[in-house]
Protein backbone atom coordinates (compact mmCIF):
# COMPACT_ATOMS: atom_id res chain seq x y z
CA MET A 1 -34.39 4.19 18.49
CA SER A 2 -30.95 2.76 19.09
CA VAL A 3 -28.71 2.93 22.14
CA SER A 4 -25.16 4.25 22.00
CA ASN A 5 -22.54 1.52 21.88
CA THR A 6 -19.78 3.91 22.99
CA ALA A 7 -21.25 5.99 25.82
CA ASP A 8 -20.22 5.10 29.37
CA VAL A 9 -23.82 5.55 30.57
CA PRO A 10 -27.02 4.46 28.79
CA THR A 11 -27.84 7.10 26.17
CA LEU A 12 -29.37 7.22 22.74
CA SER A 13 -26.91 6.98 19.87
CA GLY A 14 -26.26 9.85 17.49
CA ALA A 15 -25.37 12.53 20.03
CA PHE A 16 -22.50 13.65 17.80
CA ILE A 17 -24.81 14.27 14.83
CA SER A 18 -26.52 17.63 14.30
CA ILE A 19 -27.81 19.67 11.38
CA ASP A 20 -24.34 21.17 11.08
CA THR A 21 -22.95 17.65 10.65
CA VAL A 22 -25.33 17.09 7.76
CA LYS A 23 -24.56 20.43 6.08
CA LYS A 24 -20.79 20.61 6.41
CA PRO A 25 -18.59 19.60 3.44
CA THR A 26 -17.22 16.06 3.35
CA VAL A 27 -13.52 15.89 4.21
CA VAL A 28 -12.46 12.77 2.32
CA LYS A 29 -8.78 13.17 3.17
CA ASP A 30 -9.59 12.22 6.78
CA ARG A 31 -10.99 8.81 5.81
CA ARG A 32 -9.71 5.97 7.99
CA THR A 33 -11.77 3.00 6.77
CA LYS A 34 -9.99 1.21 3.91
CA ILE A 35 -11.47 0.32 0.52
CA ILE A 36 -10.88 -2.96 -1.32
CA CYS A 37 -11.68 -3.03 -5.04
CA THR A 38 -12.17 -6.18 -7.11
CA LEU A 39 -10.35 -5.91 -10.43
CA GLY A 40 -11.99 -6.97 -13.66
CA PRO A 41 -12.44 -6.02 -17.33
CA ALA A 42 -14.09 -2.72 -16.47
CA CYS A 43 -11.10 -1.29 -14.61
CA TRP A 44 -7.91 -3.22 -15.25
CA ASP A 45 -6.04 -0.94 -17.68
CA VAL A 46 -3.23 1.17 -16.20
CA ASP A 47 -5.04 4.49 -16.55
CA GLN A 48 -8.20 3.02 -15.01
CA LEU A 49 -6.20 1.57 -12.12
CA GLU A 50 -4.62 4.97 -11.54
CA THR A 51 -8.14 6.39 -11.40
CA LEU A 52 -9.09 3.83 -8.74
CA ILE A 53 -6.01 4.72 -6.70
CA ASP A 54 -6.83 8.42 -6.90
CA ALA A 55 -10.42 7.68 -5.88
CA GLY A 56 -9.32 5.81 -2.76
CA MET A 57 -8.51 2.16 -3.49
CA ASN A 58 -6.24 0.68 -0.79
CA VAL A 59 -6.28 -3.00 -1.81
CA ALA A 60 -6.82 -4.66 -5.18
CA ARG A 61 -8.69 -7.97 -5.02
CA PHE A 62 -7.93 -10.70 -7.55
CA ASN A 63 -10.85 -13.15 -7.68
CA PHE A 64 -9.48 -16.61 -8.48
CA SER A 65 -12.96 -18.02 -9.04
CA HIS A 66 -12.42 -16.59 -12.53
CA GLY A 67 -9.52 -16.31 -14.92
CA ASP A 68 -6.14 -18.03 -15.15
CA HIS A 69 -2.64 -17.29 -13.91
CA GLU A 70 -1.55 -15.66 -17.14
CA GLY A 71 -4.44 -13.22 -17.13
CA HIS A 72 -4.06 -12.39 -13.43
CA LYS A 73 -0.31 -11.84 -13.84
CA ALA A 74 -0.86 -9.37 -16.67
CA CYS A 75 -3.35 -7.49 -14.51
CA LEU A 76 -0.98 -7.55 -11.52
CA ASP A 77 1.81 -6.08 -13.65
CA ARG A 78 -0.49 -3.25 -14.73
CA LEU A 79 -1.56 -2.64 -11.12
CA ARG A 80 2.04 -2.37 -9.95
CA GLN A 81 2.83 0.00 -12.79
CA ALA A 82 -0.14 2.17 -11.80
CA ALA A 83 0.86 2.10 -8.12
CA SER A 84 4.41 3.07 -9.05
CA ASN A 85 3.14 5.92 -11.23
CA LYS A 86 1.09 7.20 -8.30
CA ASN A 87 3.76 6.51 -5.67
CA ALA A 88 1.10 4.58 -3.71
CA ASN A 89 1.16 1.51 -1.50
CA VAL A 90 -1.65 -0.67 -2.87
CA GLY A 91 -2.10 -4.10 -1.31
CA VAL A 92 -2.74 -7.21 -3.40
CA LEU A 93 -5.32 -9.74 -2.19
CA LEU A 94 -5.64 -13.21 -3.70
CA ASP A 95 -9.19 -14.46 -3.09
CA THR A 96 -9.32 -18.24 -3.41
CA LYS A 97 -12.10 -20.10 -5.16
CA GLY A 98 -12.44 -22.53 -2.26
CA PRO A 99 -14.74 -25.55 -2.06
CA GLU A 100 -17.94 -25.03 -3.95
CA ILE A 101 -20.97 -26.96 -5.08
CA ARG A 102 -22.32 -26.25 -8.53
CA SER A 103 -25.07 -27.49 -10.79
CA GLY A 104 -24.07 -29.22 -14.01
CA PHE A 105 -24.30 -28.76 -17.76
CA PHE A 106 -27.42 -29.08 -19.92
CA ALA A 107 -28.35 -31.49 -22.69
CA ASP A 108 -28.84 -30.50 -26.33
CA GLY A 109 -26.67 -27.40 -26.03
CA ALA A 110 -29.27 -25.55 -23.95
CA LYS A 111 -28.08 -22.37 -22.25
CA LYS A 112 -30.96 -22.17 -19.80
CA ILE A 113 -33.68 -24.38 -18.41
CA ASP A 114 -37.08 -23.32 -17.10
CA LEU A 115 -38.25 -24.82 -13.82
CA VAL A 116 -41.87 -24.74 -12.65
CA LYS A 117 -43.06 -24.36 -9.07
CA GLY A 118 -44.47 -27.56 -7.60
CA GLU A 119 -42.75 -29.95 -9.99
CA THR A 120 -40.08 -32.45 -8.92
CA LEU A 121 -36.40 -32.01 -9.83
CA THR A 122 -33.90 -34.81 -9.23
CA LEU A 123 -30.30 -33.95 -8.39
CA THR A 124 -27.66 -36.54 -9.27
CA ALA A 125 -24.07 -36.74 -8.09
CA ASP A 126 -23.06 -37.99 -11.57
CA TYR A 127 -21.55 -34.76 -12.81
CA SER A 128 -21.20 -36.10 -16.35
CA PHE A 129 -24.99 -36.18 -16.67
CA LEU A 130 -26.34 -33.52 -19.04
CA GLY A 131 -29.39 -32.10 -17.35
CA ASN A 132 -32.87 -30.84 -18.20
CA SER A 133 -35.90 -29.55 -16.33
CA LYS A 134 -36.44 -32.94 -14.70
CA LYS A 135 -32.94 -33.98 -13.65
CA LEU A 136 -29.83 -31.96 -12.96
CA ALA A 137 -26.23 -32.85 -12.13
CA CYS A 138 -24.62 -31.67 -8.88
CA SER A 139 -20.85 -31.47 -8.30
CA TYR A 140 -21.12 -32.60 -4.65
CA ALA A 141 -20.55 -36.37 -4.55
CA SER A 142 -21.96 -36.79 -1.04
CA ILE A 143 -25.18 -34.90 -1.55
CA ALA A 144 -27.44 -37.93 -0.98
CA THR A 145 -25.85 -38.62 2.42
CA SER A 146 -25.54 -34.98 3.50
CA VAL A 147 -29.12 -33.74 3.19
CA THR A 148 -32.36 -35.05 4.70
CA PRO A 149 -36.03 -34.68 3.69
CA GLY A 150 -37.39 -31.25 4.51
CA GLN A 151 -34.09 -29.41 4.12
CA SER A 152 -33.67 -26.57 1.61
CA ILE A 153 -31.21 -26.36 -1.26
CA LEU A 154 -30.56 -22.91 -2.72
CA VAL A 155 -29.39 -22.55 -6.31
CA ALA A 156 -28.04 -19.53 -8.20
CA ASP A 157 -27.69 -17.20 -5.18
CA GLY A 158 -31.08 -18.30 -3.90
CA SER A 159 -33.03 -17.48 -7.06
CA LEU A 160 -34.14 -21.14 -7.08
CA VAL A 161 -35.30 -22.80 -3.85
CA LEU A 162 -35.62 -26.58 -3.63
CA THR A 163 -37.01 -28.69 -0.78
CA VAL A 164 -35.62 -32.20 -0.34
CA LEU A 165 -38.31 -34.89 -0.65
CA SER A 166 -36.23 -38.09 -0.55
CA CYS A 167 -32.65 -39.34 -0.79
CA ASP A 168 -31.51 -42.40 -2.76
CA VAL A 169 -28.07 -43.14 -1.32
CA ASP A 170 -27.39 -46.10 -3.64
CA ALA A 171 -28.10 -44.05 -6.74
CA SER A 172 -26.55 -40.89 -5.25
CA GLU A 173 -29.68 -38.96 -6.13
CA VAL A 174 -31.96 -36.54 -4.27
CA ALA A 175 -35.56 -35.79 -5.26
CA CYS A 176 -36.61 -32.20 -4.63
CA ARG A 177 -39.75 -30.07 -4.90
CA ILE A 178 -39.34 -26.83 -6.86
CA GLU A 179 -40.57 -23.99 -4.66
CA ASN A 180 -40.60 -21.18 -7.24
CA ASP A 181 -40.61 -20.61 -10.97
CA ALA A 182 -37.08 -19.99 -12.19
CA SER A 183 -34.89 -19.91 -15.25
CA ILE A 184 -31.27 -20.88 -14.57
CA GLY A 185 -28.10 -21.31 -16.56
CA GLU A 186 -25.34 -23.92 -16.35
CA ARG A 187 -22.92 -24.37 -13.44
CA LYS A 188 -24.78 -22.26 -10.88
CA ASN A 189 -23.68 -22.19 -7.24
CA MET A 190 -25.60 -24.37 -4.80
CA ASN A 191 -25.89 -23.87 -1.02
CA LEU A 192 -26.97 -26.41 1.57
CA PRO A 193 -28.00 -24.32 4.60
CA GLY A 194 -27.13 -25.95 7.92
CA VAL A 195 -25.25 -28.86 6.32
CA VAL A 196 -21.65 -29.64 7.25
CA VAL A 197 -20.37 -30.45 3.77
CA ASP A 198 -17.75 -33.12 3.22
CA LEU A 199 -15.34 -30.99 1.20
CA PRO A 200 -11.81 -29.75 1.93
CA THR A 201 -11.53 -26.03 2.66
CA VAL A 202 -8.32 -25.80 0.63
CA THR A 203 -8.71 -27.47 -2.77
CA GLU A 204 -5.99 -28.53 -5.19
CA LYS A 205 -6.77 -25.46 -7.27
CA ASP A 206 -6.38 -23.24 -4.21
CA ILE A 207 -2.99 -24.79 -3.40
CA ASN A 208 -1.82 -24.21 -6.96
CA ASP A 209 -3.09 -20.62 -6.94
CA ILE A 210 -1.47 -19.79 -3.59
CA VAL A 211 1.91 -21.43 -4.29
CA ASN A 212 2.37 -20.87 -8.00
CA PHE A 213 0.79 -17.44 -8.21
CA GLY A 214 0.42 -15.83 -4.80
CA ILE A 215 3.80 -16.65 -3.29
CA LYS A 216 5.62 -16.48 -6.60
CA ASN A 217 4.31 -12.99 -7.31
CA GLY A 218 4.50 -11.60 -3.78
CA VAL A 219 0.85 -10.96 -2.96
CA ASP A 220 0.15 -9.36 0.41
CA PHE A 221 -3.00 -11.20 1.49
CA VAL A 222 -4.70 -14.53 0.86
CA ALA A 223 -8.47 -14.45 1.41
CA ALA A 224 -9.38 -18.05 2.21
CA SER A 225 -12.91 -18.91 1.13
CA PHE A 226 -15.32 -20.92 3.30
CA VAL A 227 -13.07 -21.19 6.36
CA ARG A 228 -14.94 -23.44 8.79
CA LYS A 229 -12.50 -24.10 11.63
CA ALA A 230 -9.15 -22.97 12.99
CA SER A 231 -7.36 -25.97 11.49
CA ASP A 232 -8.22 -24.60 8.02
CA VAL A 233 -6.17 -21.49 8.82
CA THR A 234 -3.35 -23.61 10.27
CA LEU A 235 -3.22 -25.62 7.05
CA ILE A 236 -2.96 -22.49 4.90
CA ARG A 237 -0.29 -20.99 7.15
CA LYS A 238 1.73 -24.21 6.92
CA LEU A 239 1.41 -24.07 3.13
CA LEU A 240 2.64 -20.47 3.10
CA ASN A 241 5.51 -21.09 5.52
CA GLU A 242 6.79 -24.12 3.64
CA ASN A 243 6.86 -22.29 0.32
CA GLY A 244 8.39 -18.94 1.25
CA GLY A 245 5.17 -17.04 1.83
CA GLN A 246 5.43 -16.66 5.60
CA ASN A 247 4.89 -12.89 5.44
CA ILE A 248 1.60 -13.12 3.56
CA LYS A 249 -1.41 -12.32 5.78
CA ILE A 250 -4.38 -14.71 5.91
CA ILE A 251 -7.89 -13.25 5.75
CA SER A 252 -10.46 -15.88 6.74
CA LYS A 253 -13.78 -15.53 4.93
CA ILE A 254 -16.70 -16.54 7.15
CA GLU A 255 -19.41 -17.78 4.80
CA ASN A 256 -21.40 -20.49 6.57
CA LEU A 257 -22.88 -21.54 9.89
CA GLU A 258 -19.98 -23.84 10.75
CA GLY A 259 -17.56 -20.94 10.38
CA LEU A 260 -19.77 -18.80 12.61
CA GLU A 261 -19.95 -21.50 15.26
CA ASN A 262 -16.13 -21.79 15.30
CA TYR A 263 -15.53 -18.06 14.91
CA ASN A 264 -13.63 -17.43 18.14
CA GLU A 265 -11.13 -20.22 17.41
CA ILE A 266 -10.72 -19.02 13.82
CA LEU A 267 -10.12 -15.47 15.06
CA LEU A 268 -7.25 -16.63 17.24
CA ALA A 269 -5.56 -18.38 14.32
CA THR A 270 -6.10 -15.90 11.50
CA ASP A 271 -4.55 -12.52 10.65
CA GLY A 272 -7.90 -10.98 9.71
CA VAL A 273 -11.48 -11.86 8.79
CA MET A 274 -13.94 -11.05 6.05
CA VAL A 275 -17.67 -10.90 6.71
CA ALA A 276 -18.65 -12.54 3.40
CA ARG A 277 -22.35 -11.74 3.44
CA GLY A 278 -23.23 -13.30 0.08
CA ASP A 279 -22.88 -16.99 0.84
CA LEU A 280 -23.50 -16.33 4.53
CA GLY A 281 -26.95 -15.04 3.56
CA MET A 282 -27.59 -18.38 1.89
CA GLU A 283 -26.52 -20.35 4.96
CA ILE A 284 -28.42 -18.37 7.60
CA PRO A 285 -31.66 -16.36 7.22
CA PRO A 286 -30.96 -13.00 5.52
CA SER A 287 -32.73 -11.31 8.42
CA LYS A 288 -29.96 -12.54 10.73
CA VAL A 289 -26.94 -11.59 8.61
CA PHE A 290 -26.69 -8.14 10.21
CA LEU A 291 -26.51 -9.79 13.64
CA ALA A 292 -23.68 -12.04 12.50
CA GLN A 293 -21.93 -9.00 10.99
CA LYS A 294 -22.09 -7.03 14.24
CA MET A 295 -20.91 -10.00 16.30
CA MET A 296 -17.95 -10.76 14.04
CA ILE A 297 -16.84 -7.14 13.76
CA ARG A 298 -17.03 -6.60 17.52
CA GLU A 299 -15.00 -9.70 18.33
CA ALA A 300 -12.39 -8.82 15.69
CA ASN A 301 -12.12 -5.30 17.15
CA VAL A 302 -11.53 -6.72 20.64
CA ALA A 303 -8.94 -9.15 19.29
CA GLY A 304 -7.21 -6.39 17.32
CA LYS A 305 -7.58 -8.26 14.02
CA PRO A 306 -8.62 -6.32 10.89
CA VAL A 307 -12.12 -7.08 9.62
CA ILE A 308 -13.49 -6.53 6.10
CA THR A 309 -17.21 -6.16 5.34
CA ALA A 310 -18.11 -7.39 1.86
CA THR A 311 -20.86 -8.16 -0.65
CA GLN A 312 -23.47 -5.97 -2.34
CA MET A 313 -22.42 -2.81 -0.53
CA LEU A 314 -23.09 -0.60 -3.57
CA GLU A 315 -24.54 -3.29 -5.83
CA SER A 316 -26.81 -0.98 -7.83
CA MET A 317 -23.76 0.96 -9.03
CA ILE A 318 -22.85 -1.91 -11.33
CA ASN A 319 -25.45 -0.36 -13.63
CA ASN A 320 -26.14 3.09 -12.16
CA PRO A 321 -23.93 6.14 -11.52
CA ARG A 322 -25.58 6.75 -8.13
CA PRO A 323 -26.19 4.34 -5.26
CA THR A 324 -29.44 3.82 -3.40
CA ARG A 325 -29.81 5.51 -0.04
CA ALA A 326 -30.06 2.09 1.59
CA GLU A 327 -26.66 1.11 0.16
CA CYS A 328 -24.96 4.20 1.58
CA SER A 329 -26.58 3.45 4.93
CA ASP A 330 -25.21 -0.09 4.72
CA VAL A 331 -21.66 1.23 4.22
CA ALA A 332 -22.05 3.77 7.02
CA ASN A 333 -23.46 1.22 9.44
CA ALA A 334 -20.52 -1.10 8.75
CA CYS A 335 -18.25 1.81 9.75
CA TYR A 336 -20.30 2.38 12.89
CA ASP A 337 -20.07 -1.35 13.65
CA GLY A 338 -16.28 -1.00 13.59
CA THR A 339 -15.20 -2.49 10.26
CA ASP A 340 -11.62 -1.78 9.21
CA ALA A 341 -12.35 -2.07 5.50
CA VAL A 342 -15.24 -2.28 3.07
CA MET A 343 -15.17 -4.11 -0.24
CA LEU A 344 -16.50 -3.57 -3.75
CA SER A 345 -17.00 -6.55 -6.07
CA GLY A 346 -18.94 -6.23 -9.33
CA GLU A 347 -19.20 -2.48 -8.77
CA THR A 348 -15.56 -2.09 -9.84
CA ALA A 349 -14.88 -5.34 -11.70
CA ASN A 350 -17.75 -5.18 -14.16
CA GLY A 351 -19.47 -1.80 -13.98
CA PRO A 352 -18.74 1.35 -16.01
CA TYR A 353 -19.09 3.50 -12.88
CA PHE A 354 -16.15 2.04 -10.97
CA GLU A 355 -14.65 5.43 -10.16
CA GLN A 356 -17.95 6.82 -8.88
CA ALA A 357 -18.45 3.72 -6.72
CA VAL A 358 -15.11 4.18 -4.96
CA ARG A 359 -15.63 7.90 -4.46
CA VAL A 360 -19.13 7.39 -3.02
CA MET A 361 -17.78 4.73 -0.69
CA ALA A 362 -14.91 6.99 0.41
CA ARG A 363 -17.25 9.90 1.12
CA THR A 364 -19.69 7.71 3.02
CA CYS A 365 -16.93 6.22 5.19
CA ALA A 366 -15.54 9.68 5.92
CA GLU A 367 -18.98 10.99 6.90
CA ALA A 368 -19.63 8.06 9.24
CA GLU A 369 -16.25 8.55 10.93
CA SER A 370 -16.74 12.30 11.33
CA SER A 371 -19.73 11.73 13.63
CA GLN A 372 -17.96 9.40 16.05
CA ASN A 373 -16.63 10.31 19.50
CA PHE A 374 -13.18 8.75 19.40
CA ASN A 375 -12.41 9.51 23.03
CA VAL A 376 -15.40 7.47 24.20
CA LEU A 377 -14.71 4.83 21.52
CA TYR A 378 -11.14 4.44 22.78
CA GLN A 379 -12.35 4.02 26.36
CA SER A 380 -14.97 1.49 25.28
CA ILE A 381 -12.49 -0.65 23.39
CA ARG A 382 -9.92 -0.53 26.20
CA ASN A 383 -12.49 -1.36 28.88
CA THR A 384 -13.77 -4.31 26.85
CA VAL A 385 -10.26 -5.64 26.21
CA VAL A 386 -9.10 -5.43 29.83
CA ARG A 387 -12.19 -7.31 30.95
CA ARG A 388 -11.11 -10.15 28.66
CA HIS A 389 -7.40 -10.31 29.41
CA MET A 390 -4.41 -8.40 30.71
CA LEU A 391 -2.93 -6.13 28.06
CA THR A 392 0.27 -7.30 26.42
CA PRO A 393 3.22 -4.88 26.56
CA GLY A 394 2.61 -3.92 22.93
CA GLU A 395 -1.09 -3.33 23.53
CA SER A 396 -0.40 -1.31 26.67
CA LEU A 397 2.09 0.94 24.89
CA ALA A 398 -0.29 1.46 21.96
CA SER A 399 -3.17 2.18 24.33
CA SER A 400 -1.08 4.85 26.07
CA ALA A 401 -0.08 6.37 22.73
CA CYS A 402 -3.69 6.57 21.57
CA LYS A 403 -4.92 8.09 24.85
CA THR A 404 -2.13 10.68 24.75
CA ALA A 405 -2.98 11.56 21.14
CA ILE A 406 -6.63 12.08 22.08
CA ASP A 407 -5.82 14.10 25.22
CA ILE A 408 -3.46 16.55 23.50
CA ASP A 409 -5.37 16.56 20.20
CA ALA A 410 -2.34 15.34 18.29
CA LYS A 411 -2.66 15.60 14.52
CA LEU A 412 -1.00 12.27 13.91
CA VAL A 413 0.63 9.28 15.56
CA VAL A 414 3.97 8.09 14.16
CA VAL A 415 5.11 4.51 14.74
CA LEU A 416 8.36 2.85 13.69
CA SER A 417 7.70 -0.79 12.91
CA GLU A 418 9.49 -3.58 11.09
CA SER A 419 6.63 -6.11 11.18
CA GLY A 420 3.59 -3.85 11.34
CA ASN A 421 2.44 -5.27 14.69
CA SER A 422 2.80 -1.97 16.53
CA ALA A 423 0.69 -0.29 13.85
CA ARG A 424 -1.96 -2.99 14.32
CA TYR A 425 -2.06 -2.34 18.06
CA LEU A 426 -2.51 1.38 17.45
CA ALA A 427 -5.32 0.73 14.97
CA LYS A 428 -7.00 -1.51 17.54
CA PHE A 429 -7.49 1.35 20.00
CA ARG A 430 -8.91 3.75 17.37
CA PRO A 431 -7.17 7.07 18.20
CA GLY A 432 -9.23 8.87 15.57
CA ARG A 433 -6.30 10.49 13.79
CA LEU A 434 -3.83 9.56 11.08
CA ILE A 435 -1.35 6.84 12.04
CA VAL A 436 1.89 7.04 10.05
CA CYS A 437 3.80 3.74 10.03
CA LEU A 438 7.45 3.99 8.99
CA THR A 439 8.83 0.62 7.94
CA PRO A 440 11.76 -0.72 5.90
CA SER A 441 9.48 -3.35 4.33
CA ALA A 442 7.49 -2.46 1.21
CA GLN A 443 5.17 -5.41 1.88
CA VAL A 444 4.48 -4.27 5.45
CA ALA A 445 3.74 -0.77 4.13
CA ARG A 446 1.16 -2.23 1.71
CA GLN A 447 -0.37 -4.45 4.38
CA VAL A 448 -0.82 -1.77 7.05
CA THR A 449 -2.11 0.70 4.46
CA GLY A 450 -4.41 -1.94 3.05
CA VAL A 451 -6.50 -3.11 6.01
CA TYR A 452 -5.50 -1.39 9.28
CA LYS A 453 -8.00 1.34 10.10
CA GLY A 454 -6.43 4.79 10.04
CA VAL A 455 -2.90 3.49 9.30
CA TYR A 456 -0.86 4.53 6.28
CA GLY A 457 2.53 2.94 5.73
CA PHE A 458 5.62 4.54 4.21
CA VAL A 459 8.88 2.87 3.25
CA VAL A 460 12.13 4.10 4.79
CA ASP A 461 15.65 2.80 4.30
CA THR A 462 16.33 2.44 8.03
CA LEU A 463 14.66 2.67 11.44
CA GLU A 464 17.92 3.29 13.28
CA ASP A 465 17.96 7.08 12.90
CA VAL A 466 14.82 8.15 14.77
CA GLU A 467 15.61 11.85 15.06
CA ASN A 468 16.29 12.35 11.39
CA LEU A 469 13.30 10.24 10.39
CA LEU A 470 11.01 12.38 12.51
CA ALA A 471 12.54 15.52 11.00
CA GLU A 472 11.59 14.27 7.56
CA VAL A 473 8.10 13.35 8.74
CA CYS A 474 7.60 16.87 10.10
CA LEU A 475 8.46 18.39 6.74
CA ALA A 476 6.37 15.86 4.82
CA VAL A 477 3.17 16.15 6.87
CA GLU A 478 3.26 19.95 6.74
CA LYS A 479 3.79 19.89 3.00
CA ALA A 480 0.89 17.41 2.66
CA GLY A 481 -1.42 19.62 4.70
CA ILE A 482 -1.87 17.04 7.45
CA ALA A 483 -0.40 19.28 10.16
CA LYS A 484 1.13 22.71 10.57
CA GLU A 485 4.15 23.94 12.48
CA GLY A 486 3.70 23.63 16.23
CA ASP A 487 1.02 20.93 16.06
CA PRO A 488 1.59 18.05 18.50
CA MET A 489 2.22 14.51 17.35
CA VAL A 490 2.72 11.29 19.27
CA VAL A 491 5.63 8.98 18.47
CA MET A 492 5.84 5.29 19.36
CA CYS A 493 9.38 3.97 19.03
CA GLY A 494 12.18 2.12 20.79
CA ARG A 495 15.26 3.29 22.64
CA THR A 496 17.36 1.06 20.40
CA TYR A 497 16.50 3.15 17.34
CA GLY A 498 14.06 0.87 15.60
CA VAL A 499 15.75 -2.41 16.45
CA GLY A 500 13.65 -4.74 18.59
CA ALA A 501 10.39 -4.00 20.37
CA ASN A 502 9.00 -0.48 20.72
CA ASP A 503 9.10 0.69 24.33
CA GLN A 504 8.56 4.46 24.28
CA VAL A 505 5.74 6.93 23.73
CA GLN A 506 6.90 10.48 23.06
CA VAL A 507 5.15 13.79 22.42
CA ARG A 508 6.80 15.81 19.66
CA TYR A 509 5.86 18.93 17.73
CA VAL A 510 5.77 19.52 14.00
CA LEU A 511 8.69 21.75 13.07
CA SER A 512 8.83 22.93 9.48
CA HIS A 513 12.24 24.58 9.92
CA TYR A 514 13.87 21.65 11.61
CA TRP A 515 17.15 22.22 9.76
CA ASP A 516 17.35 26.00 10.15
CA GLU A 517 20.69 27.05 11.50
CA ALA A 518 20.99 29.55 14.32
CA GLY A 519 21.93 33.10 13.44
CA GLU A 520 25.32 34.53 14.26
CA GLY A 521 25.88 34.52 17.96
CA GLU A 522 22.74 32.46 18.56
CA GLU A 523 22.35 28.83 19.58
CA SER A 524 19.44 26.89 18.11
CA ASP A 525 17.60 24.23 20.07
CA LEU A 526 17.89 22.13 16.93
CA SER A 527 21.57 22.67 16.21
CA ALA A 528 22.44 19.32 17.76
CA HIS A 529 20.61 17.62 14.91
CA HIS A 530 22.32 19.53 12.14
CA ALA A 531 25.18 17.07 11.94
CA GLY A 532 22.74 14.44 10.75
CA ARG A 533 21.25 16.53 7.97
CA ASP A 534 22.99 14.84 5.06
CA GLN A 535 22.49 11.38 6.53
CA ALA A 536 18.78 12.05 7.00
CA HIS A 537 18.26 13.04 3.41
CA GLY A 538 16.51 10.18 1.61
CA HIS A 539 15.44 8.07 4.60
CA LEU A 540 11.80 8.56 3.66
CA LYS A 541 11.46 6.86 0.30
CA GLN A 542 7.92 8.13 -0.29
CA GLY A 543 6.32 11.50 0.27
CA ILE A 544 3.58 11.39 2.87
CA LYS A 545 0.43 12.07 0.88
CA LEU A 546 -3.13 12.62 2.02
CA PRO A 547 -5.00 9.30 2.49
CA SER A 548 -7.28 9.99 -0.49
CA SER A 549 -7.90 12.74 -2.97
CA PRO A 550 -10.78 15.18 -2.54
CA SER A 551 -14.12 14.09 -3.96
CA LYS A 552 -15.15 15.30 -7.36
C-alpha cells in the first residue's frame, strides 16, 4: 500500500481511481506532461518528423555523443520544415556529450573480446595501447590515482563488472578481477561509482558544439551532461551569454553521486533538470534510483523548475510495437511523481515503432493525469512552497490565478508573457487545465511548449492589445474544441498591456460572437470593442490547436 502524497490528512493513495476510470476512453488532447523524442536514422525524414509531431512530440533531442555538425544541421533543417508544415512549436534540445571515460581499441583488428569470470584484467591509461583479454586501454588518465582496491568499475552499461585489486600509479595501471563472463566491443563507456573524477564537465567538444552549432542555429535548450556542481552551470551560462545565446535554457543532467549531493545548489543555478537514470544507475545502486528520482522531481517542483525523466522508459519498443506493462507503469509513476516531461531515446532514434512509442507515452501520461486531484495537488504545492520561503510577487499572482481557475472550473488559463516566466509560475502550481501562453517570441513559445507542464505557447505580434488578443483566443479555443461559448477562463496580464510585469488576474468568458454588432436600436455589451476589429485581425500568428492528436 502507498500513502497519498496530495491529501491534507493521511489517506491511502488512489482515491481518484475507480473501475470507471479504467474503462473510460483515453482523452489524449488533455495531456499536460511533455514528450521529448531523440532524433535518429529511424525518424529523421520530414514525413517521419511530421508523424512524431502529430503523435505528440514537444521537443526534439539532438544527441551530440554521435554525429557531426553537418549531419545535425541537415536534420535540424528537416525538423523545422516539418514543424512549419504542421504549424507547431517544437523545441530543439542539444544534448552534450560531456566528460566520459571509455575503454580503448583492440589489437589485430578484433571487434570483440571475451572476458572470463575470475581472471585478471589490467587497465592502462595509455590510450594508444591496443587491448586484448588481458590488458585494456582506458581514456581516463588519472584512473590509477582515482580508484582504490575493492572499488567497482562498470563497463558497457554495467554488462561487465570489475573489482580493483591494485593500483600502479607510476605505470598508470590498475589490476582488476573480472566478476562475470562478458563479451565487449571497442570504446565502451566506463563508470567509477562513488569516485569524484578529475575531468571537466564542459569539454572542448562541448564548447564547440554549443557555440558553433547550438547558438549559431538557435537551439532552445542545452542539456549539459554530468553536471556535478553549480559552478558547472555558471560556466555554461557564461559561455552562452558571451556568445549571443543568453536566451537558451540550460537543462542540467544529474548522472552521478556528486551531482546528487550538490543537487540543491545546482537547482538554484539551472533552468531545469533531467533525471538521467542510465548513468545514475551505474553510480548508485539501481534499487535506489527511484528514490533519487522522487527526491529530484519533488525539489524541482517546489523550486518551479521543469524536470525531465529519462532513460529506458519504453525501452522494449525499440524492437517491439507494444511496451511492457512495467514500462507503462514507469511512465505513469513519473507523472505521479510530478515530472514535467518524459523522454524517449532509442525508442524513436533507432526503432521502427517510433510513432507507436510516442502515442503510447502520450496515452499513458494522459491516463495518469486524469486520476489526479488537482485541487489538492495545488494546495500541497503551495503549502510546501510557503513553508520554504515567502512567495515572490510573480508566484503569488500565479498561485491566485491557478486557485481561481480550479474554483470556477475554468477551461483554460491565458497568460501574456514576453519571457515565459509567468507561464513557468503557472505551471509550478499545477492548475490542471490548459495554460495558453501568448508571447511575441517564437523561441519562448517553443520553450514553454517544450517543457512546462500544461503550457502551450503561441506567437503573437504584440502584447499591447489585450482586449483584441483575448477576443482572438476566444474564437480560437472554441474552434479547437477546448472550450465553448460561456465557459470561464482566467487571464493573467498587466495593466500596461503586456509591457512590464504581469499584475492582474481576471475572470473572462469565452465569447464566440465577440465581434457581433448590435441590432438596430440595440446596444451591444461588446460594441466598445468593435473599433479594434481590424487591428485585432492577425495578432495571433498561430491557430490554437489541441495539445496532441487523438490516439489511433
